[in-house]
Amino acid sequence: MIPMVIGREIRLNRILKDGKMLCIPMDHGISNGPIMGLEDPLSLIYKCEHAGLTCVLVNKGIIRAMPRPIGIGLIAHMSASTSLGPSPNKKVLMGRVGESIRLGADAVSVHVNIGAKEEPDMLHDLGLVSDECTEWNVPLVAMMYPRGENIKDPYNVEVVAHAARIGGEAGADIVKAVYTGDIDSFRKVTKACPVPIVIAGGPKINTDYEILEMCESAMKAGAKGVTFGRNIFQHENPVSIVRALRRVIIEGVSHDEAFEVLRSAQE
């Protein structure tokens, strides 16, 4: 029998490059409002789309507002909460997989806070979305954060590995996890998860060198890429840091070499 490519593989190929991801998540507008760097997310997308990104992750309203199609992969984020509400850690669904497909998305994402008191509701929603993704042959990215009342250390390797494993066992195609800080500990996370892992950027990092170093370390530990928000959209030159990250993630150069190229371009 001749092997056939199914819709899920076609769509995964649109959000990845050689099985690797370089993504700017820009779902912050609902949770935190128009924070610095995301005052005009559409402008940022078009500015960075040809700098080396494999995809962007946005809420459905941003997709609807796009004046023209983008030339990279598109992930529709489907869950949200706000910093103004009574339960910031409780992510609720704000869309359906079918709706995301109609909007032109290649994949969908859901955020789950493991350890929060509302965890059972979020796991229930993750399971529903996973089933819908199977029905539609759409890739699912699960953002699995250790965050809530029962989490003492969100970077504890056992906790991070558990959260990532939940995403994989719930049916996600890609799990977004927090980086535990070093290659040896994060390798335990990637080895324990049955699907590829990409790392979150977390808070804004002070220097370009540290951003690139973290990226390379995560890749050496088995990660398949990064989803960096503030460390890209709050960078003084988002295009330049995207190009540098691509050199590390897609081209496989060292963070030292990528940093030297970045620094030379800025001089």
C-alpha atoms as a PDB file:
ATOM      1  CA  MET A   1       0.000   0.000   0.000  1.00  0.00           C
ATOM      2  CA  ILE A   2       1.263   3.476  -0.885  1.00  0.00           C
ATOM      3  CA  PRO A   3       1.566   5.594   2.296  1.00  0.00           C
ATOM      4  CA  MET A   4      -0.817   8.530   2.388  1.00  0.00           C
ATOM      5  CA  VAL A   5      -0.315  11.937   3.937  1.00  0.00           C
ATOM      6  CA  ILE A   6      -3.228  12.884   6.189  1.00  0.00           C
ATOM      7  CA  GLY A   7      -4.489  16.347   7.047  1.00  0.00           C
ATOM      8  CA  ARG A   8      -2.782  16.430  10.430  1.00  0.00           C
ATOM      9  CA  GLU A   9       0.642  15.879   8.833  1.00  0.00           C
ATOM     10  CA  ILE A  10       0.014  18.520   6.189  1.00  0.00           C
ATOM     11  CA  ARG A  11      -0.961  21.036   8.844  1.00  0.00           C
ATOM     12  CA  LEU A  12       1.967  20.141  11.111  1.00  0.00           C
ATOM     13  CA  ASN A  13       4.266  20.747   8.163  1.00  0.00           C
ATOM     14  CA  ARG A  14       2.872  24.287   7.918  1.00  0.00           C
ATOM     15  CA  ILE A  15       3.690  25.219  11.525  1.00  0.00           C
ATOM     16  CA  LEU A  16       7.078  23.459  11.647  1.00  0.00           C
ATOM     17  CA  LYS A  17      10.268  23.585   9.603  1.00  0.00           C
ATOM     18  CA  ASP A  18      12.124  20.271   9.457  1.00  0.00           C
ATOM     19  CA  GLY A  19      10.177  19.232  12.543  1.00  0.00           C
ATOM     20  CA  LYS A  20      11.186  22.324  14.514  1.00  0.00           C
ATOM     21  CA  MET A  21       9.215  25.328  15.710  1.00  0.00           C
ATOM     22  CA  LEU A  22       9.978  29.018  16.072  1.00  0.00           C
ATOM     23  CA  CYS A  23       6.774  30.691  17.172  1.00  0.00           C
ATOM     24  CA  ILE A  24       5.703  34.010  18.653  1.00  0.00           C
ATOM     25  CA  PRO A  25       2.701  33.436  20.933  1.00  0.00           C
ATOM     26  CA  MET A  26       0.582  36.583  21.019  1.00  0.00           C
ATOM     27  CA  ASP A  27      -2.443  35.493  23.020  1.00  0.00           C
ATOM     28  CA  HIS A  28      -1.615  37.980  25.797  1.00  0.00           C
ATOM     29  CA  GLY A  29      -4.154  40.568  24.636  1.00  0.00           C
ATOM     30  CA  ILE A  30      -7.040  38.838  26.403  1.00  0.00           C
ATOM     31  CA  SER A  31      -5.176  37.913  29.562  1.00  0.00           C
ATOM     32  CA  ASN A  32      -3.147  41.109  30.038  1.00  0.00           C
ATOM     33  CA  GLY A  33      -4.421  43.650  27.524  1.00  0.00           C
ATOM     34  CA  PRO A  34      -2.356  45.624  24.966  1.00  0.00           C
ATOM     35  CA  ILE A  35       0.953  45.211  26.783  1.00  0.00           C
ATOM     36  CA  MET A  36       4.191  46.700  25.507  1.00  0.00           C
ATOM     37  CA  GLY A  37       5.138  45.196  22.166  1.00  0.00           C
ATOM     38  CA  LEU A  38       1.613  44.027  21.385  1.00  0.00           C
ATOM     39  CA  GLU A  39      -0.051  47.370  20.844  1.00  0.00           C
ATOM     40  CA  ASP A  40      -0.240  46.426  17.158  1.00  0.00           C
ATOM     41  CA  PRO A  41       0.121  42.631  16.833  1.00  0.00           C
ATOM     42  CA  LEU A  42      -0.689  42.574  13.122  1.00  0.00           C
ATOM     43  CA  SER A  43       2.195  44.886  12.318  1.00  0.00           C
ATOM     44  CA  LEU A  44       4.527  42.665  14.333  1.00  0.00           C
ATOM     45  CA  ILE A  45       3.361  39.556  12.486  1.00  0.00           C
ATOM     46  CA  TYR A  46       3.955  41.013   9.046  1.00  0.00           C
ATOM     47  CA  LYS A  47       7.297  42.469  10.135  1.00  0.00           C
ATOM     48  CA  CYS A  48       8.593  39.111  11.407  1.00  0.00           C
ATOM     49  CA  GLU A  49       6.957  36.572   9.101  1.00  0.00           C
ATOM     50  CA  HIS A  50       9.908  36.461   6.692  1.00  0.00           C
ATOM     51  CA  ALA A  51      12.611  36.715   9.370  1.00  0.00           C
ATOM     52  CA  GLY A  52      12.552  33.004  10.133  1.00  0.00           C
ATOM     53  CA  LEU A  53       9.377  32.266  12.068  1.00  0.00           C
ATOM     54  CA  THR A  54       7.685  28.951  11.398  1.00  0.00           C
ATOM     55  CA  CYS A  55       4.349  30.107  12.847  1.00  0.00           C
ATOM     56  CA  VAL A  56       2.500  32.542  15.076  1.00  0.00           C
ATOM     57  CA  LEU A  57      -0.063  31.832  17.788  1.00  0.00           C
ATOM     58  CA  VAL A  58      -2.952  34.286  18.178  1.00  0.00           C
ATOM     59  CA  ASN A  59      -6.549  34.558  19.331  1.00  0.00           C
ATOM     60  CA  LYS A  60      -9.303  34.224  16.745  1.00  0.00           C
ATOM     61  CA  GLY A  61     -10.107  37.941  16.648  1.00  0.00           C
ATOM     62  CA  ILE A  62      -6.588  38.721  15.459  1.00  0.00           C
ATOM     63  CA  ILE A  63      -6.982  36.195  12.626  1.00  0.00           C
ATOM     64  CA  ARG A  64     -10.232  37.864  11.579  1.00  0.00           C
ATOM     65  CA  ALA A  65      -8.531  41.269  11.598  1.00  0.00           C
ATOM     66  CA  MET A  66      -5.699  40.230   9.265  1.00  0.00           C
ATOM     67  CA  PRO A  67      -5.760  42.387   6.113  1.00  0.00           C
ATOM     68  CA  ARG A  68      -4.011  39.670   4.104  1.00  0.00           C
ATOM     69  CA  PRO A  69      -2.910  36.032   4.544  1.00  0.00           C
ATOM     70  CA  ILE A  70       0.443  35.342   6.156  1.00  0.00           C
ATOM     71  CA  GLY A  71       3.140  33.188   4.632  1.00  0.00           C
ATOM     72  CA  ILE A  72       3.815  31.088   7.742  1.00  0.00           C
ATOM     73  CA  GLY A  73       1.885  28.674   9.933  1.00  0.00           C
ATOM     74  CA  LEU A  74      -1.065  29.896  11.959  1.00  0.00           C
ATOM     75  CA  ILE A  75      -2.131  28.542  15.363  1.00  0.00           C
ATOM     76  CA  ALA A  76      -5.494  29.624  16.773  1.00  0.00           C
ATOM     77  CA  HIS A  77      -5.500  29.860  20.561  1.00  0.00           C
ATOM     78  CA  MET A  78      -8.760  28.616  22.058  1.00  0.00           C
ATOM     79  CA  SER A  79      -8.664  29.241  25.807  1.00  0.00           C
ATOM     80  CA  ALA A  80      -8.323  32.322  27.961  1.00  0.00           C
ATOM     81  CA  SER A  81      -8.745  34.138  31.251  1.00  0.00           C
ATOM     82  CA  THR A  82      -8.037  37.705  32.303  1.00  0.00           C
ATOM     83  CA  SER A  83      -5.885  39.329  34.950  1.00  0.00           C
ATOM     84  CA  LEU A  84      -8.922  41.442  35.869  1.00  0.00           C
ATOM     85  CA  GLY A  85     -11.230  38.549  36.678  1.00  0.00           C
ATOM     86  CA  PRO A  86     -11.752  36.566  39.894  1.00  0.00           C
ATOM     87  CA  SER A  87      -9.886  33.437  38.660  1.00  0.00           C
ATOM     88  CA  PRO A  88      -6.903  34.355  36.456  1.00  0.00           C
ATOM     89  CA  ASN A  89      -5.629  30.761  36.517  1.00  0.00           C
ATOM     90  CA  LYS A  90      -8.867  29.284  35.195  1.00  0.00           C
ATOM     91  CA  LYS A  91      -8.657  29.076  31.404  1.00  0.00           C
ATOM     92  CA  VAL A  92     -12.002  28.612  29.666  1.00  0.00           C
ATOM     93  CA  LEU A  93     -12.672  27.688  26.056  1.00  0.00           C
ATOM     94  CA  MET A  94     -13.479  30.576  23.722  1.00  0.00           C
ATOM     95  CA  GLY A  95     -13.712  28.702  20.445  1.00  0.00           C
ATOM     96  CA  ARG A  96     -14.128  25.415  18.610  1.00  0.00           C
ATOM     97  CA  VAL A  97     -11.815  23.499  16.320  1.00  0.00           C
ATOM     98  CA  GLY A  98     -14.218  23.776  13.394  1.00  0.00           C
ATOM     99  CA  GLU A  99     -14.340  27.539  13.791  1.00  0.00           C
ATOM    100  CA  SER A 100     -10.544  27.707  13.790  1.00  0.00           C
ATOM    101  CA  ILE A 101     -10.405  25.732  10.545  1.00  0.00           C
ATOM    102  CA  ARG A 102     -12.933  28.049   8.931  1.00  0.00           C
ATOM    103  CA  LEU A 103     -10.705  30.974   9.916  1.00  0.00           C
ATOM    104  CA  GLY A 104      -7.766  29.320   8.150  1.00  0.00           C
ATOM    105  CA  ALA A 105      -5.750  28.099  11.143  1.00  0.00           C
ATOM    106  CA  ASP A 106      -3.328  25.201  10.684  1.00  0.00           C
ATOM    107  CA  ALA A 107      -3.466  24.142  14.341  1.00  0.00           C
ATOM    108  CA  VAL A 108      -5.091  25.053  17.644  1.00  0.00           C
ATOM    109  CA  SER A 109      -3.761  25.532  21.157  1.00  0.00           C
ATOM    110  CA  VAL A 110      -5.171  25.225  24.663  1.00  0.00           C
ATOM    111  CA  HIS A 111      -3.665  26.462  27.947  1.00  0.00           C
ATOM    112  CA  VAL A 112      -3.910  24.320  31.110  1.00  0.00           C
ATOM    113  CA  ASN A 113      -2.632  25.357  34.543  1.00  0.00           C
ATOM    114  CA  ILE A 114      -1.689  22.197  36.416  1.00  0.00           C
ATOM    115  CA  GLY A 115      -1.978  22.585  40.176  1.00  0.00           C
ATOM    116  CA  ALA A 116      -4.671  25.266  40.108  1.00  0.00           C
ATOM    117  CA  LYS A 117      -7.923  24.548  41.913  1.00  0.00           C
ATOM    118  CA  GLU A 118      -9.700  24.751  38.549  1.00  0.00           C
ATOM    119  CA  GLU A 119      -7.423  22.094  37.021  1.00  0.00           C
ATOM    120  CA  PRO A 120     -10.216  19.483  36.609  1.00  0.00           C
ATOM    121  CA  ASP A 121     -12.268  21.841  34.425  1.00  0.00           C
ATOM    122  CA  MET A 122      -9.262  22.675  32.261  1.00  0.00           C
ATOM    123  CA  LEU A 123      -8.357  19.001  31.833  1.00  0.00           C
ATOM    124  CA  HIS A 124     -11.938  18.307  30.816  1.00  0.00           C
ATOM    125  CA  ASP A 125     -11.714  21.013  28.153  1.00  0.00           C
ATOM    126  CA  LEU A 126      -8.336  19.710  26.963  1.00  0.00           C
ATOM    127  CA  GLY A 127      -9.868  16.286  26.457  1.00  0.00           C
ATOM    128  CA  LEU A 128     -12.790  17.707  24.478  1.00  0.00           C
ATOM    129  CA  VAL A 129     -10.506  19.734  22.216  1.00  0.00           C
ATOM    130  CA  SER A 130      -8.236  16.732  21.721  1.00  0.00           C
ATOM    131  CA  ASP A 131     -11.220  14.682  20.524  1.00  0.00           C
ATOM    132  CA  GLU A 132     -12.273  17.475  18.149  1.00  0.00           C
ATOM    133  CA  CYS A 133      -8.739  17.681  16.779  1.00  0.00           C
ATOM    134  CA  THR A 134      -8.745  13.949  16.092  1.00  0.00           C
ATOM    135  CA  GLU A 135     -12.079  14.284  14.300  1.00  0.00           C
ATOM    136  CA  TRP A 136     -10.814  17.157  12.127  1.00  0.00           C
ATOM    137  CA  ASN A 137      -7.203  15.943  11.738  1.00  0.00           C
ATOM    138  CA  VAL A 138      -5.939  19.203  13.242  1.00  0.00           C
ATOM    139  CA  PRO A 139      -2.734  19.424  15.333  1.00  0.00           C
ATOM    140  CA  LEU A 140      -3.142  20.386  18.976  1.00  0.00           C
ATOM    141  CA  VAL A 141      -0.586  22.396  20.946  1.00  0.00           C
ATOM    142  CA  ALA A 142      -1.079  22.041  24.707  1.00  0.00           C
ATOM    143  CA  MET A 143       0.407  24.751  26.905  1.00  0.00           C
ATOM    144  CA  MET A 144       1.033  22.856  30.133  1.00  0.00           C
ATOM    145  CA  TYR A 145       2.035  25.202  32.939  1.00  0.00           C
ATOM    146  CA  PRO A 146       2.632  24.232  36.590  1.00  0.00           C
ATOM    147  CA  ARG A 147       0.749  27.161  38.054  1.00  0.00           C
ATOM    148  CA  GLY A 148      -1.639  27.438  40.958  1.00  0.00           C
ATOM    149  CA  GLU A 149      -2.243  26.889  44.643  1.00  0.00           C
ATOM    150  CA  ASN A 150      -0.568  23.452  44.775  1.00  0.00           C
ATOM    151  CA  ILE A 151       2.637  24.459  42.985  1.00  0.00           C
ATOM    152  CA  LYS A 152       5.506  25.494  45.233  1.00  0.00           C
ATOM    153  CA  ASP A 153       8.209  25.554  42.532  1.00  0.00           C
ATOM    154  CA  PRO A 154       6.990  25.874  38.925  1.00  0.00           C
ATOM    155  CA  TYR A 155      10.472  24.910  37.624  1.00  0.00           C
ATOM    156  CA  ASN A 156      10.799  21.698  39.649  1.00  0.00           C
ATOM    157  CA  VAL A 157      11.749  19.026  37.127  1.00  0.00           C
ATOM    158  CA  GLU A 158       9.318  16.409  38.447  1.00  0.00           C
ATOM    159  CA  VAL A 159       6.457  18.890  38.352  1.00  0.00           C
ATOM    160  CA  VAL A 160       7.340  20.165  34.864  1.00  0.00           C
ATOM    161  CA  ALA A 161       7.731  16.604  33.566  1.00  0.00           C
ATOM    162  CA  HIS A 162       4.370  15.622  35.070  1.00  0.00           C
ATOM    163  CA  ALA A 163       2.617  18.597  33.498  1.00  0.00           C
ATOM    164  CA  ALA A 164       4.170  17.888  30.096  1.00  0.00           C
ATOM    165  CA  ARG A 165       3.289  14.198  30.329  1.00  0.00           C
ATOM    166  CA  ILE A 166      -0.339  15.094  30.978  1.00  0.00           C
ATOM    167  CA  GLY A 167      -0.427  17.073  27.737  1.00  0.00           C
ATOM    168  CA  GLY A 168       1.043  14.208  25.763  1.00  0.00           C
ATOM    169  CA  GLU A 169      -1.247  11.594  27.269  1.00  0.00           C
ATOM    170  CA  ALA A 170      -4.287  13.819  26.736  1.00  0.00           C
ATOM    171  CA  GLY A 171      -3.667  13.738  22.993  1.00  0.00           C
ATOM    172  CA  ALA A 172      -1.638  16.858  22.197  1.00  0.00           C
ATOM    173  CA  ASP A 173       0.672  16.742  19.181  1.00  0.00           C
ATOM    174  CA  ILE A 174       3.053  19.292  20.686  1.00  0.00           C
ATOM    175  CA  VAL A 175       3.465  20.296  24.331  1.00  0.00           C
ATOM    176  CA  LYS A 176       4.642  23.724  25.422  1.00  0.00           C
ATOM    177  CA  ALA A 177       6.537  23.518  28.723  1.00  0.00           C
ATOM    178  CA  VAL A 178       8.537  25.815  30.948  1.00  0.00           C
ATOM    179  CA  TYR A 179      12.303  25.361  30.775  1.00  0.00           C
ATOM    180  CA  THR A 180      13.779  23.938  33.971  1.00  0.00           C
ATOM    181  CA  GLY A 181      17.034  25.870  33.658  1.00  0.00           C
ATOM    182  CA  ASP A 182      19.656  23.367  32.520  1.00  0.00           C
ATOM    183  CA  ILE A 183      20.183  20.618  29.951  1.00  0.00           C
ATOM    184  CA  ASP A 184      20.308  17.650  32.327  1.00  0.00           C
ATOM    185  CA  SER A 185      17.078  18.432  34.147  1.00  0.00           C
ATOM    186  CA  PHE A 186      15.135  19.360  31.023  1.00  0.00           C
ATOM    187  CA  ARG A 187      16.271  16.196  29.256  1.00  0.00           C
ATOM    188  CA  LYS A 188      14.229  14.340  31.895  1.00  0.00           C
ATOM    189  CA  VAL A 189      11.187  16.341  30.773  1.00  0.00           C
ATOM    190  CA  THR A 190      11.618  15.673  27.049  1.00  0.00           C
ATOM    191  CA  LYS A 191      12.336  11.959  27.576  1.00  0.00           C
ATOM    192  CA  ALA A 192       9.234  11.546  29.739  1.00  0.00           C
ATOM    193  CA  CYS A 193       6.854  13.100  27.197  1.00  0.00           C
ATOM    194  CA  PRO A 194       5.517  10.978  24.303  1.00  0.00           C
ATOM    195  CA  VAL A 195       5.240  13.964  21.922  1.00  0.00           C
ATOM    196  CA  PRO A 196       7.593  16.819  20.926  1.00  0.00           C
ATOM    197  CA  ILE A 197       8.162  19.622  23.430  1.00  0.00           C
ATOM    198  CA  VAL A 198       8.757  23.321  22.769  1.00  0.00           C
ATOM    199  CA  ILE A 199       9.731  25.716  25.511  1.00  0.00           C
ATOM    200  CA  ALA A 200       8.048  28.844  26.762  1.00  0.00           C
ATOM    201  CA  GLY A 201      10.087  32.020  27.016  1.00  0.00           C
ATOM    202  CA  GLY A 202       8.762  33.102  30.377  1.00  0.00           C
ATOM    203  CA  PRO A 203       9.506  36.618  31.685  1.00  0.00           C
ATOM    204  CA  LYS A 204      11.540  39.066  29.602  1.00  0.00           C
ATOM    205  CA  ILE A 205      15.220  38.057  29.664  1.00  0.00           C
ATOM    206  CA  ASN A 206      17.788  40.819  30.063  1.00  0.00           C
ATOM    207  CA  THR A 207      20.266  40.010  27.288  1.00  0.00           C
ATOM    208  CA  ASP A 208      20.238  38.526  23.790  1.00  0.00           C
ATOM    209  CA  TYR A 209      23.041  36.185  24.795  1.00  0.00           C
ATOM    210  CA  GLU A 210      20.925  34.658  27.563  1.00  0.00           C
ATOM    211  CA  ILE A 211      17.969  34.214  25.200  1.00  0.00           C
ATOM    212  CA  LEU A 212      20.082  32.368  22.658  1.00  0.00           C
ATOM    213  CA  GLU A 213      21.878  30.340  25.317  1.00  0.00           C
ATOM    214  CA  MET A 214      18.585  29.143  26.793  1.00  0.00           C
ATOM    215  CA  CYS A 215      17.356  28.259  23.318  1.00  0.00           C
ATOM    216  CA  GLU A 216      20.421  26.174  22.467  1.00  0.00           C
ATOM    217  CA  SER A 217      20.399  24.430  25.856  1.00  0.00           C
ATOM    218  CA  ALA A 218      16.757  23.452  25.431  1.00  0.00           C
ATOM    219  CA  MET A 219      17.441  22.097  21.941  1.00  0.00           C
ATOM    220  CA  LYS A 220      20.371  20.050  23.240  1.00  0.00           C
ATOM    221  CA  ALA A 221      18.040  18.644  25.896  1.00  0.00           C
ATOM    222  CA  GLY A 222      15.625  17.399  23.244  1.00  0.00           C
ATOM    223  CA  ALA A 223      13.235  20.310  22.709  1.00  0.00           C
ATOM    224  CA  LYS A 224      11.951  20.849  19.178  1.00  0.00           C
ATOM    225  CA  GLY A 225      11.820  24.617  19.317  1.00  0.00           C
ATOM    226  CA  VAL A 226      10.581  27.653  21.194  1.00  0.00           C
ATOM    227  CA  THR A 227       7.474  29.758  21.621  1.00  0.00           C
ATOM    228  CA  PHE A 228       8.925  33.065  22.803  1.00  0.00           C
ATOM    229  CA  GLY A 229       6.525  35.913  23.494  1.00  0.00           C
ATOM    230  CA  ARG A 230       7.957  38.838  25.471  1.00  0.00           C
ATOM    231  CA  ASN A 231      11.511  37.903  24.541  1.00  0.00           C
ATOM    232  CA  ILE A 232      10.594  38.622  20.925  1.00  0.00           C
ATOM    233  CA  PHE A 233       7.761  41.162  20.847  1.00  0.00           C
ATOM    234  CA  GLN A 234       9.281  43.290  23.625  1.00  0.00           C
ATOM    235  CA  HIS A 235      12.744  43.118  22.064  1.00  0.00           C
ATOM    236  CA  GLU A 236      14.096  46.405  20.719  1.00  0.00           C
ATOM    237  CA  ASN A 237      14.493  44.688  17.331  1.00  0.00           C
ATOM    238  CA  PRO A 238      12.131  41.690  17.031  1.00  0.00           C
ATOM    239  CA  VAL A 239      13.267  40.855  13.496  1.00  0.00           C
ATOM    240  CA  SER A 240      16.922  40.554  14.502  1.00  0.00           C
ATOM    241  CA  ILE A 241      16.283  38.247  17.465  1.00  0.00           C
ATOM    242  CA  VAL A 242      13.993  36.054  15.349  1.00  0.00           C
ATOM    243  CA  ARG A 243      16.767  35.671  12.770  1.00  0.00           C
ATOM    244  CA  ALA A 244      19.249  34.772  15.501  1.00  0.00           C
ATOM    245  CA  LEU A 245      16.886  32.233  17.053  1.00  0.00           C
ATOM    246  CA  ARG A 246      16.320  30.644  13.655  1.00  0.00           C
ATOM    247  CA  ARG A 247      20.059  30.098  13.284  1.00  0.00           C
ATOM    248  CA  VAL A 248      20.089  28.143  16.541  1.00  0.00           C
ATOM    249  CA  ILE A 249      16.821  26.224  16.085  1.00  0.00           C
ATOM    250  CA  ILE A 250      16.626  25.503  12.362  1.00  0.00           C
ATOM    251  CA  GLU A 251      20.250  25.799  11.233  1.00  0.00           C
ATOM    252  CA  GLY A 252      21.749  24.263  14.373  1.00  0.00           C
ATOM    253  CA  VAL A 253      24.496  26.833  14.965  1.00  0.00           C
ATOM    254  CA  SER A 254      25.766  27.540  18.470  1.00  0.00           C
ATOM    255  CA  HIS A 255      24.358  30.358  20.549  1.00  0.00           C
ATOM    256  CA  ASP A 256      27.808  31.964  20.550  1.00  0.00           C
ATOM    257  CA  GLU A 257      27.902  32.049  16.758  1.00  0.00           C
ATOM    258  CA  ALA A 258      24.318  33.305  16.491  1.00  0.00           C
ATOM    259  CA  PHE A 259      25.066  36.020  19.042  1.00  0.00           C
ATOM    260  CA  GLU A 260      28.172  37.183  17.158  1.00  0.00           C
ATOM    261  CA  VAL A 261      26.166  37.480  13.936  1.00  0.00           C
ATOM    262  CA  LEU A 262      23.426  39.351  15.808  1.00  0.00           C
ATOM    263  CA  ARG A 263      25.898  41.716  17.458  1.00  0.00           C
ATOM    264  CA  SER A 264      27.689  42.407  14.163  1.00  0.00           C
ATOM    265  CA  ALA A 265      24.396  43.277  12.497  1.00  0.00           C
ATOM    266  CA  GLN A 266      23.616  45.765  15.269  1.00  0.00           C
ATOM    267  CA  GLU A 267      26.957  47.581  15.026  1.00  0.00           C
END
